[in-house]
Amino acid sequence: MFTKTFFSTIAAAALFAASASAICPGYKFGVSLAANNGPWQVFDNACNIVNQVTAKNPCTAGVFDCNPAQTTPTALHLDGQNYACNVDLNPDACNGQTIQICCN
């Protein structure tokens, strides 16, 4: 009985640790770049939406600086702070939205 309970506790702890991992390790925010004129959403590491831009071109809305093609954020402006952004090299997601950019 003890062994079964012990291993169940270990399995539950491992599952919790895996589900609690942060997006964009080493960064403060992750950005989901929605297609078809959907909003670009900014998430904190707990997958809370902290900002979203619904402009037709989010690169011109004042929240992001973007690459010359105006397709990818290179900087995030949030709450009076500026954060540099890079492509996310990890397969992250928040609330079903793929995180493509990390900002710090």
PDB file of N, CA and C in Angstrom:
ATOM      1  N   MET A   1       0.824  -1.197   0.000  1.00  0.00           N
ATOM      2  CA  MET A   1       0.000   0.000   0.000  1.00  0.00           C
ATOM      3  C   MET A   1       0.866   1.258   0.000  1.00  0.00           C
ATOM      4  N   PHE A   2       1.896   1.271   0.866  1.00  0.00           N
ATOM      5  CA  PHE A   2       2.778   2.423   0.947  1.00  0.00           C
ATOM      6  C   PHE A   2       3.463   2.677  -0.393  1.00  0.00           C
ATOM      7  N   THR A   3       3.958   1.605  -1.030  1.00  0.00           N
ATOM      8  CA  THR A   3       4.676   1.749  -2.300  1.00  0.00           C
ATOM      9  C   THR A   3       3.758   2.325  -3.372  1.00  0.00           C
ATOM     10  N   LYS A   4       2.535   1.839  -3.440  1.00  0.00           N
ATOM     11  CA  LYS A   4       1.586   2.330  -4.443  1.00  0.00           C
ATOM     12  C   LYS A   4       1.283   3.809  -4.208  1.00  0.00           C
ATOM     13  N   THR A   5       1.050   4.199  -2.969  1.00  0.00           N
ATOM     14  CA  THR A   5       0.773   5.592  -2.626  1.00  0.00           C
ATOM     15  C   THR A   5       1.984   6.466  -2.920  1.00  0.00           C
ATOM     16  N   PHE A   6       3.169   5.979  -2.560  1.00  0.00           N
ATOM     17  CA  PHE A   6       4.397   6.732  -2.796  1.00  0.00           C
ATOM     18  C   PHE A   6       4.587   7.012  -4.279  1.00  0.00           C
ATOM     19  N   PHE A   7       4.464   5.978  -5.124  1.00  0.00           N
ATOM     20  CA  PHE A   7       4.652   6.168  -6.558  1.00  0.00           C
ATOM     21  C   PHE A   7       3.557   7.024  -7.176  1.00  0.00           C
ATOM     22  N   SER A   8       2.352   6.958  -6.661  1.00  0.00           N
ATOM     23  CA  SER A   8       1.268   7.821  -7.141  1.00  0.00           C
ATOM     24  C   SER A   8       1.574   9.280  -6.827  1.00  0.00           C
ATOM     25  N   THR A   9       2.107   9.524  -5.639  1.00  0.00           N
ATOM     26  CA  THR A   9       2.480  10.885  -5.242  1.00  0.00           C
ATOM     27  C   THR A   9       3.601  11.414  -6.129  1.00  0.00           C
ATOM     28  N   ILE A  10       4.599  10.585  -6.409  1.00  0.00           N
ATOM     29  CA  ILE A  10       5.716  10.982  -7.273  1.00  0.00           C
ATOM     30  C   ILE A  10       5.199  11.280  -8.682  1.00  0.00           C
ATOM     31  N   ALA A  11       4.336  10.446  -9.213  1.00  0.00           N
ATOM     32  CA  ALA A  11       3.793  10.661 -10.557  1.00  0.00           C
ATOM     33  C   ALA A  11       2.986  11.951 -10.610  1.00  0.00           C
ATOM     34  N   ALA A  12       2.182  12.223  -9.594  1.00  0.00           N
ATOM     35  CA  ALA A  12       1.389  13.452  -9.563  1.00  0.00           C
ATOM     36  C   ALA A  12       2.286  14.676  -9.481  1.00  0.00           C
ATOM     37  N   ALA A  13       3.352  14.604  -8.707  1.00  0.00           N
ATOM     38  CA  ALA A  13       4.276  15.731  -8.592  1.00  0.00           C
ATOM     39  C   ALA A  13       4.983  15.990  -9.917  1.00  0.00           C
ATOM     40  N   ALA A  14       5.374  14.936 -10.599  1.00  0.00           N
ATOM     41  CA  ALA A  14       6.038  15.098 -11.897  1.00  0.00           C
ATOM     42  C   ALA A  14       5.085  15.700 -12.918  1.00  0.00           C
ATOM     43  N   LEU A  15       3.846  15.269 -12.919  1.00  0.00           N
ATOM     44  CA  LEU A  15       2.851  15.822 -13.834  1.00  0.00           C
ATOM     45  C   LEU A  15       2.620  17.288 -13.543  1.00  0.00           C
ATOM     46  N   PHE A  16       2.505  17.668 -12.277  1.00  0.00           N
ATOM     47  CA  PHE A  16       2.320  19.064 -11.912  1.00  0.00           C
ATOM     48  C   PHE A  16       3.508  19.905 -12.346  1.00  0.00           C
ATOM     49  N   ALA A  17       4.716  19.407 -12.124  1.00  0.00           N
ATOM     50  CA  ALA A  17       5.916  20.156 -12.503  1.00  0.00           C
ATOM     51  C   ALA A  17       5.958  20.368 -14.012  1.00  0.00           C
ATOM     52  N   ALA A  18       5.576  19.377 -14.781  1.00  0.00           N
ATOM     53  CA  ALA A  18       5.579  19.513 -16.240  1.00  0.00           C
ATOM     54  C   ALA A  18       4.540  20.522 -16.699  1.00  0.00           C
ATOM     55  N   SER A  19       3.382  20.560 -16.068  1.00  0.00           N
ATOM     56  CA  SER A  19       2.329  21.474 -16.492  1.00  0.00           C
ATOM     57  C   SER A  19       2.584  22.897 -16.021  1.00  0.00           C
ATOM     58  N   ALA A  20       3.465  23.068 -15.025  1.00  0.00           N
ATOM     59  CA  ALA A  20       3.719  24.396 -14.473  1.00  0.00           C
ATOM     60  C   ALA A  20       4.937  25.071 -15.104  1.00  0.00           C
ATOM     61  N   SER A  21       5.551  24.422 -16.095  1.00  0.00           N
ATOM     62  CA  SER A  21       6.746  25.013 -16.686  1.00  0.00           C
ATOM     63  C   SER A  21       6.394  26.304 -17.403  1.00  0.00           C
ATOM     64  N   ALA A  22       7.324  27.233 -17.358  1.00  0.00           N
ATOM     65  CA  ALA A  22       7.097  28.558 -17.929  1.00  0.00           C
ATOM     66  C   ALA A  22       7.369  28.550 -19.429  1.00  0.00           C
ATOM     67  N   ILE A  23       6.680  29.452 -20.118  1.00  0.00           N
ATOM     68  CA  ILE A  23       6.985  29.659 -21.529  1.00  0.00           C
ATOM     69  C   ILE A  23       8.243  30.509 -21.631  1.00  0.00           C
ATOM     70  N   CYS A  24       8.912  30.466 -22.747  1.00  0.00           N
ATOM     71  CA  CYS A  24      10.069  31.323 -23.014  1.00  0.00           C
ATOM     72  C   CYS A  24      11.047  31.375 -21.834  1.00  0.00           C
ATOM     73  N   PRO A  25      11.680  30.260 -21.500  1.00  0.00           N
ATOM     74  CA  PRO A  25      12.622  30.270 -20.373  1.00  0.00           C
ATOM     75  C   PRO A  25      13.658  31.392 -20.515  1.00  0.00           C
ATOM     76  N   GLY A  26      13.823  32.149 -19.440  1.00  0.00           N
ATOM     77  CA  GLY A  26      14.772  33.252 -19.439  1.00  0.00           C
ATOM     78  C   GLY A  26      14.202  34.566 -19.948  1.00  0.00           C
ATOM     79  N   TYR A  27      12.946  34.569 -20.361  1.00  0.00           N
ATOM     80  CA  TYR A  27      12.283  35.774 -20.869  1.00  0.00           C
ATOM     81  C   TYR A  27      11.085  36.104 -19.991  1.00  0.00           C
ATOM     82  N   LYS A  28      10.598  37.334 -20.061  1.00  0.00           N
ATOM     83  CA  LYS A  28       9.438  37.753 -19.269  1.00  0.00           C
ATOM     84  C   LYS A  28       8.117  37.532 -19.980  1.00  0.00           C
ATOM     85  N   PHE A  29       8.120  37.621 -21.328  1.00  0.00           N
ATOM     86  CA  PHE A  29       6.874  37.557 -22.082  1.00  0.00           C
ATOM     87  C   PHE A  29       7.011  36.694 -23.326  1.00  0.00           C
ATOM     88  N   GLY A  30       5.892  36.125 -23.735  1.00  0.00           N
ATOM     89  CA  GLY A  30       5.800  35.407 -24.997  1.00  0.00           C
ATOM     90  C   GLY A  30       4.720  36.044 -25.846  1.00  0.00           C
ATOM     91  N   VAL A  31       4.904  36.017 -27.160  1.00  0.00           N
ATOM     92  CA  VAL A  31       3.953  36.647 -28.075  1.00  0.00           C
ATOM     93  C   VAL A  31       3.441  35.603 -29.051  1.00  0.00           C
ATOM     94  N   SER A  32       2.127  35.569 -29.189  1.00  0.00           N
ATOM     95  CA  SER A  32       1.459  34.714 -30.166  1.00  0.00           C
ATOM     96  C   SER A  32       1.059  35.593 -31.343  1.00  0.00           C
ATOM     97  N   LEU A  33       1.544  35.250 -32.532  1.00  0.00           N
ATOM     98  CA  LEU A  33       1.244  36.025 -33.733  1.00  0.00           C
ATOM     99  C   LEU A  33       0.111  35.332 -34.480  1.00  0.00           C
ATOM    100  N   ALA A  34      -1.100  35.769 -34.243  1.00  0.00           N
ATOM    101  CA  ALA A  34      -2.264  35.136 -34.861  1.00  0.00           C
ATOM    102  C   ALA A  34      -2.323  35.434 -36.354  1.00  0.00           C
ATOM    103  N   ALA A  35      -2.845  34.501 -37.103  1.00  0.00           N
ATOM    104  CA  ALA A  35      -3.009  34.668 -38.545  1.00  0.00           C
ATOM    105  C   ALA A  35      -4.382  35.260 -38.861  1.00  0.00           C
ATOM    106  N   ASN A  36      -4.600  35.611 -40.089  1.00  0.00           N
ATOM    107  CA  ASN A  36      -5.898  36.100 -40.576  1.00  0.00           C
ATOM    108  C   ASN A  36      -6.400  37.315 -39.809  1.00  0.00           C
ATOM    109  N   ASN A  37      -5.513  38.263 -39.565  1.00  0.00           N
ATOM    110  CA  ASN A  37      -5.871  39.512 -38.883  1.00  0.00           C
ATOM    111  C   ASN A  37      -6.379  39.318 -37.469  1.00  0.00           C
ATOM    112  N   GLY A  38      -6.051  38.201 -36.847  1.00  0.00           N
ATOM    113  CA  GLY A  38      -6.408  37.996 -35.443  1.00  0.00           C
ATOM    114  C   GLY A  38      -5.475  38.798 -34.559  1.00  0.00           C
ATOM    115  N   PRO A  39      -5.767  38.881 -33.272  1.00  0.00           N
ATOM    116  CA  PRO A  39      -4.914  39.696 -32.391  1.00  0.00           C
ATOM    117  C   PRO A  39      -3.555  39.038 -32.141  1.00  0.00           C
ATOM    118  N   TRP A  40      -2.542  39.874 -31.994  1.00  0.00           N
ATOM    119  CA  TRP A  40      -1.261  39.420 -31.467  1.00  0.00           C
ATOM    120  C   TRP A  40      -1.414  39.499 -29.957  1.00  0.00           C
ATOM    121  N   GLN A  41      -1.196  38.383 -29.268  1.00  0.00           N
ATOM    122  CA  GLN A  41      -1.383  38.343 -27.828  1.00  0.00           C
ATOM    123  C   GLN A  41      -0.034  38.241 -27.114  1.00  0.00           C
ATOM    124  N   VAL A  42       0.096  39.007 -26.028  1.00  0.00           N
ATOM    125  CA  VAL A  42       1.292  38.989 -25.197  1.00  0.00           C
ATOM    126  C   VAL A  42       0.928  38.263 -23.901  1.00  0.00           C
ATOM    127  N   PHE A  43       1.698  37.229 -23.564  1.00  0.00           N
ATOM    128  CA  PHE A  43       1.454  36.421 -22.377  1.00  0.00           C
ATOM    129  C   PHE A  43       2.616  36.575 -21.405  1.00  0.00           C
ATOM    130  N   ASP A  44       2.308  36.538 -20.101  1.00  0.00           N
ATOM    131  CA  ASP A  44       3.383  36.425 -19.115  1.00  0.00           C
ATOM    132  C   ASP A  44       3.734  34.947 -18.992  1.00  0.00           C
ATOM    133  N   ASN A  45       4.698  34.609 -18.136  1.00  0.00           N
ATOM    134  CA  ASN A  45       5.145  33.226 -18.026  1.00  0.00           C
ATOM    135  C   ASN A  45       4.117  32.282 -17.418  1.00  0.00           C
ATOM    136  N   ALA A  46       3.049  32.821 -16.858  1.00  0.00           N
ATOM    137  CA  ALA A  46       1.972  31.993 -16.326  1.00  0.00           C
ATOM    138  C   ALA A  46       0.826  31.862 -17.327  1.00  0.00           C
ATOM    139  N   CYS A  47       1.060  32.303 -18.574  1.00  0.00           N
ATOM    140  CA  CYS A  47       0.073  32.248 -19.662  1.00  0.00           C
ATOM    141  C   CYS A  47      -1.135  33.155 -19.436  1.00  0.00           C
ATOM    142  N   ASN A  48      -0.959  34.222 -18.681  1.00  0.00           N
ATOM    143  CA  ASN A  48      -1.992  35.246 -18.566  1.00  0.00           C
ATOM    144  C   ASN A  48      -1.807  36.236 -19.710  1.00  0.00           C
ATOM    145  N   ILE A  49      -2.887  36.617 -20.366  1.00  0.00           N
ATOM    146  CA  ILE A  49      -2.792  37.629 -21.413  1.00  0.00           C
ATOM    147  C   ILE A  49      -2.575  38.976 -20.731  1.00  0.00           C
ATOM    148  N   VAL A  50      -1.459  39.642 -21.047  1.00  0.00           N
ATOM    149  CA  VAL A  50      -1.164  40.940 -20.453  1.00  0.00           C
ATOM    150  C   VAL A  50      -1.392  42.074 -21.452  1.00  0.00           C
ATOM    151  N   ASN A  51      -1.525  41.749 -22.726  1.00  0.00           N
ATOM    152  CA  ASN A  51      -1.841  42.742 -23.746  1.00  0.00           C
ATOM    153  C   ASN A  51      -2.213  42.005 -25.018  1.00  0.00           C
ATOM    154  N   GLN A  52      -3.028  42.627 -25.818  1.00  0.00           N
ATOM    155  CA  GLN A  52      -3.288  42.101 -27.157  1.00  0.00           C
ATOM    156  C   GLN A  52      -3.522  43.264 -28.095  1.00  0.00           C
ATOM    157  N   VAL A  53      -3.042  43.095 -29.309  1.00  0.00           N
ATOM    158  CA  VAL A  53      -3.153  44.147 -30.317  1.00  0.00           C
ATOM    159  C   VAL A  53      -4.017  43.613 -31.446  1.00  0.00           C
ATOM    160  N   THR A  54      -5.112  44.311 -31.701  1.00  0.00           N
ATOM    161  CA  THR A  54      -6.058  43.863 -32.717  1.00  0.00           C
ATOM    162  C   THR A  54      -5.982  44.682 -33.999  1.00  0.00           C
ATOM    163  N   ALA A  55      -4.992  45.570 -34.110  1.00  0.00           N
ATOM    164  CA  ALA A  55      -4.858  46.408 -35.302  1.00  0.00           C
ATOM    165  C   ALA A  55      -4.608  45.551 -36.532  1.00  0.00           C
ATOM    166  N   LYS A  56      -4.994  46.061 -37.684  1.00  0.00           N
ATOM    167  CA  LYS A  56      -4.769  45.327 -38.930  1.00  0.00           C
ATOM    168  C   LYS A  56      -3.282  45.039 -39.105  1.00  0.00           C
ATOM    169  N   ASN A  57      -2.428  46.007 -38.767  1.00  0.00           N
ATOM    170  CA  ASN A  57      -0.984  45.790 -38.761  1.00  0.00           C
ATOM    171  C   ASN A  57      -0.475  46.102 -37.354  1.00  0.00           C
ATOM    172  N   PRO A  58      -0.325  45.086 -36.493  1.00  0.00           N
ATOM    173  CA  PRO A  58       0.120  45.323 -35.122  1.00  0.00           C
ATOM    174  C   PRO A  58       1.471  46.027 -35.027  1.00  0.00           C
ATOM    175  N   CYS A  59       2.266  45.970 -36.085  1.00  0.00           N
ATOM    176  CA  CYS A  59       3.582  46.622 -36.076  1.00  0.00           C
ATOM    177  C   CYS A  59       3.462  48.145 -36.058  1.00  0.00           C
ATOM    178  N   THR A  60       2.309  48.679 -36.424  1.00  0.00           N
ATOM    179  CA  THR A  60       2.135  50.128 -36.469  1.00  0.00           C
ATOM    180  C   THR A  60       1.257  50.644 -35.333  1.00  0.00           C
ATOM    181  N   ALA A  61       0.926  49.790 -34.369  1.00  0.00           N
ATOM    182  CA  ALA A  61       0.009  50.169 -33.293  1.00  0.00           C
ATOM    183  C   ALA A  61       0.708  50.781 -32.083  1.00  0.00           C
ATOM    184  N   GLY A  62       2.049  50.825 -32.085  1.00  0.00           N
ATOM    185  CA  GLY A  62       2.778  51.433 -30.982  1.00  0.00           C
ATOM    186  C   GLY A  62       3.191  50.487 -29.879  1.00  0.00           C
ATOM    187  N   VAL A  63       2.759  49.245 -29.927  1.00  0.00           N
ATOM    188  CA  VAL A  63       3.113  48.277 -28.896  1.00  0.00           C
ATOM    189  C   VAL A  63       4.391  47.522 -29.279  1.00  0.00           C
ATOM    190  N   PHE A  64       4.585  47.310 -30.569  1.00  0.00           N
ATOM    191  CA  PHE A  64       5.730  46.542 -31.064  1.00  0.00           C
ATOM    192  C   PHE A  64       6.576  47.372 -32.021  1.00  0.00           C
ATOM    193  N   ASP A  65       7.886  47.138 -31.994  1.00  0.00           N
ATOM    194  CA  ASP A  65       8.764  47.490 -33.101  1.00  0.00           C
ATOM    195  C   ASP A  65       8.914  46.202 -33.893  1.00  0.00           C
ATOM    196  N   CYS A  66       9.010  46.304 -35.211  1.00  0.00           N
ATOM    197  CA  CYS A  66       9.052  45.096 -36.028  1.00  0.00           C
ATOM    198  C   CYS A  66      10.202  45.124 -37.026  1.00  0.00           C
ATOM    199  N   ASN A  67      10.434  43.969 -37.631  1.00  0.00           N
ATOM    200  CA  ASN A  67      11.436  43.846 -38.673  1.00  0.00           C
ATOM    201  C   ASN A  67      11.010  44.691 -39.882  1.00  0.00           C
ATOM    202  N   PRO A  68      11.909  44.934 -40.837  1.00  0.00           N
ATOM    203  CA  PRO A  68      11.558  45.773 -41.990  1.00  0.00           C
ATOM    204  C   PRO A  68      10.338  45.286 -42.786  1.00  0.00           C
ATOM    205  N   ALA A  69      10.099  43.988 -42.808  1.00  0.00           N
ATOM    206  CA  ALA A  69       8.944  43.454 -43.543  1.00  0.00           C
ATOM    207  C   ALA A  69       7.632  43.641 -42.777  1.00  0.00           C
ATOM    208  N   GLN A  70       7.729  44.144 -41.534  1.00  0.00           N
ATOM    209  CA  GLN A  70       6.549  44.379 -40.686  1.00  0.00           C
ATOM    210  C   GLN A  70       5.762  43.096 -40.397  1.00  0.00           C
ATOM    211  N   THR A  71       6.503  41.993 -40.179  1.00  0.00           N
ATOM    212  CA  THR A  71       5.848  40.709 -39.918  1.00  0.00           C
ATOM    213  C   THR A  71       6.223  40.091 -38.574  1.00  0.00           C
ATOM    214  N   THR A  72       7.321  40.545 -37.966  1.00  0.00           N
ATOM    215  CA  THR A  72       7.823  39.918 -36.748  1.00  0.00           C
ATOM    216  C   THR A  72       8.263  40.976 -35.752  1.00  0.00           C
ATOM    217  N   PRO A  73       7.765  40.919 -34.508  1.00  0.00           N
ATOM    218  CA  PRO A  73       8.199  41.886 -33.498  1.00  0.00           C
ATOM    219  C   PRO A  73       9.678  41.735 -33.159  1.00  0.00           C
ATOM    220  N   THR A  74      10.346  42.860 -33.005  1.00  0.00           N
ATOM    221  CA  THR A  74      11.733  42.877 -32.542  1.00  0.00           C
ATOM    222  C   THR A  74      11.828  43.542 -31.173  1.00  0.00           C
ATOM    223  N   ALA A  75      10.758  44.229 -30.753  1.00  0.00           N
ATOM    224  CA  ALA A  75      10.703  44.864 -29.434  1.00  0.00           C
ATOM    225  C   ALA A  75       9.251  44.986 -28.995  1.00  0.00           C
ATOM    226  N   LEU A  76       9.042  44.950 -27.686  1.00  0.00           N
ATOM    227  CA  LEU A  76       7.727  45.094 -27.065  1.00  0.00           C
ATOM    228  C   LEU A  76       7.780  46.297 -26.135  1.00  0.00           C
ATOM    229  N   HIS A  77       6.759  47.152 -26.201  1.00  0.00           N
ATOM    230  CA  HIS A  77       6.628  48.310 -25.313  1.00  0.00           C
ATOM    231  C   HIS A  77       5.405  48.064 -24.434  1.00  0.00           C
ATOM    232  N   LEU A  78       5.646  47.862 -23.128  1.00  0.00           N
ATOM    233  CA  LEU A  78       4.569  47.474 -22.222  1.00  0.00           C
ATOM    234  C   LEU A  78       4.773  48.152 -20.872  1.00  0.00           C
ATOM    235  N   ASP A  79       3.750  48.845 -20.407  1.00  0.00           N
ATOM    236  CA  ASP A  79       3.780  49.507 -19.097  1.00  0.00           C
ATOM    237  C   ASP A  79       4.995  50.419 -18.923  1.00  0.00           C
ATOM    238  N   GLY A  80       5.335  51.155 -19.978  1.00  0.00           N
ATOM    239  CA  GLY A  80       6.442  52.098 -19.911  1.00  0.00           C
ATOM    240  C   GLY A  80       7.825  51.468 -20.006  1.00  0.00           C
ATOM    241  N   GLN A  81       7.883  50.165 -20.214  1.00  0.00           N
ATOM    242  CA  GLN A  81       9.160  49.458 -20.342  1.00  0.00           C
ATOM    243  C   GLN A  81       9.342  48.967 -21.774  1.00  0.00           C
ATOM    244  N   ASN A  82      10.595  48.847 -22.196  1.00  0.00           N
ATOM    245  CA  ASN A  82      10.916  48.320 -23.522  1.00  0.00           C
ATOM    246  C   ASN A  82      11.618  46.980 -23.362  1.00  0.00           C
ATOM    247  N   TYR A  83      11.174  45.994 -24.130  1.00  0.00           N
ATOM    248  CA  TYR A  83      11.723  44.651 -24.068  1.00  0.00           C
ATOM    249  C   TYR A  83      12.177  44.219 -25.459  1.00  0.00           C
ATOM    250  N   ALA A  84      13.394  43.697 -25.560  1.00  0.00           N
ATOM    251  CA  ALA A  84      13.886  43.152 -26.822  1.00  0.00           C
ATOM    252  C   ALA A  84      13.232  41.798 -27.058  1.00  0.00           C
ATOM    253  N   CYS A  85      12.921  41.498 -28.307  1.00  0.00           N
ATOM    254  CA  CYS A  85      12.227  40.256 -28.652  1.00  0.00           C
ATOM    255  C   CYS A  85      13.049  39.426 -29.639  1.00  0.00           C
ATOM    256  N   ASN A  86      12.932  38.112 -29.491  1.00  0.00           N
ATOM    257  CA  ASN A  86      13.610  37.156 -30.362  1.00  0.00           C
ATOM    258  C   ASN A  86      12.660  36.022 -30.693  1.00  0.00           C
ATOM    259  N   VAL A  87      12.972  35.311 -31.768  1.00  0.00           N
ATOM    260  CA  VAL A  87      12.173  34.155 -32.155  1.00  0.00           C
ATOM    261  C   VAL A  87      12.277  33.095 -31.061  1.00  0.00           C
ATOM    262  N   ASP A  88      11.146  32.478 -30.717  1.00  0.00           N
ATOM    263  CA  ASP A  88      11.094  31.425 -29.701  1.00  0.00           C
ATOM    264  C   ASP A  88      11.596  30.124 -30.312  1.00  0.00           C
ATOM    265  N   LEU A  89      12.634  29.567 -29.754  1.00  0.00           N
ATOM    266  CA  LEU A  89      13.200  28.322 -30.263  1.00  0.00           C
ATOM    267  C   LEU A  89      12.599  27.087 -29.598  1.00  0.00           C
ATOM    268  N   ASN A  90      11.686  27.289 -28.648  1.00  0.00           N
ATOM    269  CA  ASN A  90      11.031  26.181 -27.951  1.00  0.00           C
ATOM    270  C   ASN A  90       9.597  26.045 -28.433  1.00  0.00           C
ATOM    271  N   PRO A  91       9.054  24.837 -28.435  1.00  0.00           N
ATOM    272  CA  PRO A  91       7.657  24.644 -28.842  1.00  0.00           C
ATOM    273  C   PRO A  91       6.693  25.005 -27.714  1.00  0.00           C
ATOM    274  N   ASP A  92       6.497  26.297 -27.479  1.00  0.00           N
ATOM    275  CA  ASP A  92       5.658  26.767 -26.379  1.00  0.00           C
ATOM    276  C   ASP A  92       4.244  27.092 -26.863  1.00  0.00           C
ATOM    277  N   ALA A  93       3.289  27.061 -25.943  1.00  0.00           N
ATOM    278  CA  ALA A  93       1.916  27.460 -26.243  1.00  0.00           C
ATOM    279  C   ALA A  93       1.246  27.950 -24.970  1.00  0.00           C
ATOM    280  N   CYS A  94       0.314  28.881 -25.130  1.00  0.00           N
ATOM    281  CA  CYS A  94      -0.532  29.366 -24.039  1.00  0.00           C
ATOM    282  C   CYS A  94      -1.972  29.359 -24.522  1.00  0.00           C
ATOM    283  N   ASN A  95      -2.834  28.729 -23.768  1.00  0.00           N
ATOM    284  CA  ASN A  95      -4.268  28.721 -24.086  1.00  0.00           C
ATOM    285  C   ASN A  95      -4.525  28.319 -25.538  1.00  0.00           C
ATOM    286  N   GLY A  96      -3.731  27.378 -26.036  1.00  0.00           N
ATOM    287  CA  GLY A  96      -3.894  26.907 -27.403  1.00  0.00           C
ATOM    288  C   GLY A  96      -3.246  27.784 -28.457  1.00  0.00           C
ATOM    289  N   GLN A  97      -2.604  28.877 -28.047  1.00  0.00           N
ATOM    290  CA  GLN A  97      -1.942  29.791 -28.978  1.00  0.00           C
ATOM    291  C   GLN A  97      -0.439  29.500 -28.984  1.00  0.00           C
ATOM    292  N   THR A  98       0.121  29.272 -30.158  1.00  0.00           N
ATOM    293  CA  THR A  98       1.547  29.015 -30.273  1.00  0.00           C
ATOM    294  C   THR A  98       2.331  30.291 -30.002  1.00  0.00           C
ATOM    295  N   ILE A  99       3.337  30.180 -29.165  1.00  0.00           N
ATOM    296  CA  ILE A  99       4.209  31.307 -28.851  1.00  0.00           C
ATOM    297  C   ILE A  99       5.363  31.289 -29.865  1.00  0.00           C
ATOM    298  N   GLN A 100       5.458  32.349 -30.662  1.00  0.00           N
ATOM    299  CA  GLN A 100       6.509  32.411 -31.670  1.00  0.00           C
ATOM    300  C   GLN A 100       7.646  33.355 -31.290  1.00  0.00           C
ATOM    301  N   ILE A 101       7.381  34.303 -30.381  1.00  0.00           N
ATOM    302  CA  ILE A 101       8.347  35.335 -30.029  1.00  0.00           C
ATOM    303  C   ILE A 101       8.476  35.405 -28.505  1.00  0.00           C
ATOM    304  N   CYS A 102       9.703  35.597 -28.025  1.00  0.00           N
ATOM    305  CA  CYS A 102       9.956  35.781 -26.597  1.00  0.00           C
ATOM    306  C   CYS A 102      10.585  37.164 -26.390  1.00  0.00           C
ATOM    307  N   CYS A 103      10.180  37.856 -25.324  1.00  0.00           N
ATOM    308  CA  CYS A 103      10.665  39.230 -25.066  1.00  0.00           C
ATOM    309  C   CYS A 103      11.178  39.342 -23.637  1.00  0.00           C
ATOM    310  N   ASN A 104      12.282  40.088 -23.507  1.00  0.00           N
ATOM    311  CA  ASN A 104      12.880  40.288 -22.189  1.00  0.00           C
ATOM    312  C   ASN A 104      13.530  41.662 -22.116  1.00  0.00           C
TER     313      ASN A 104
END
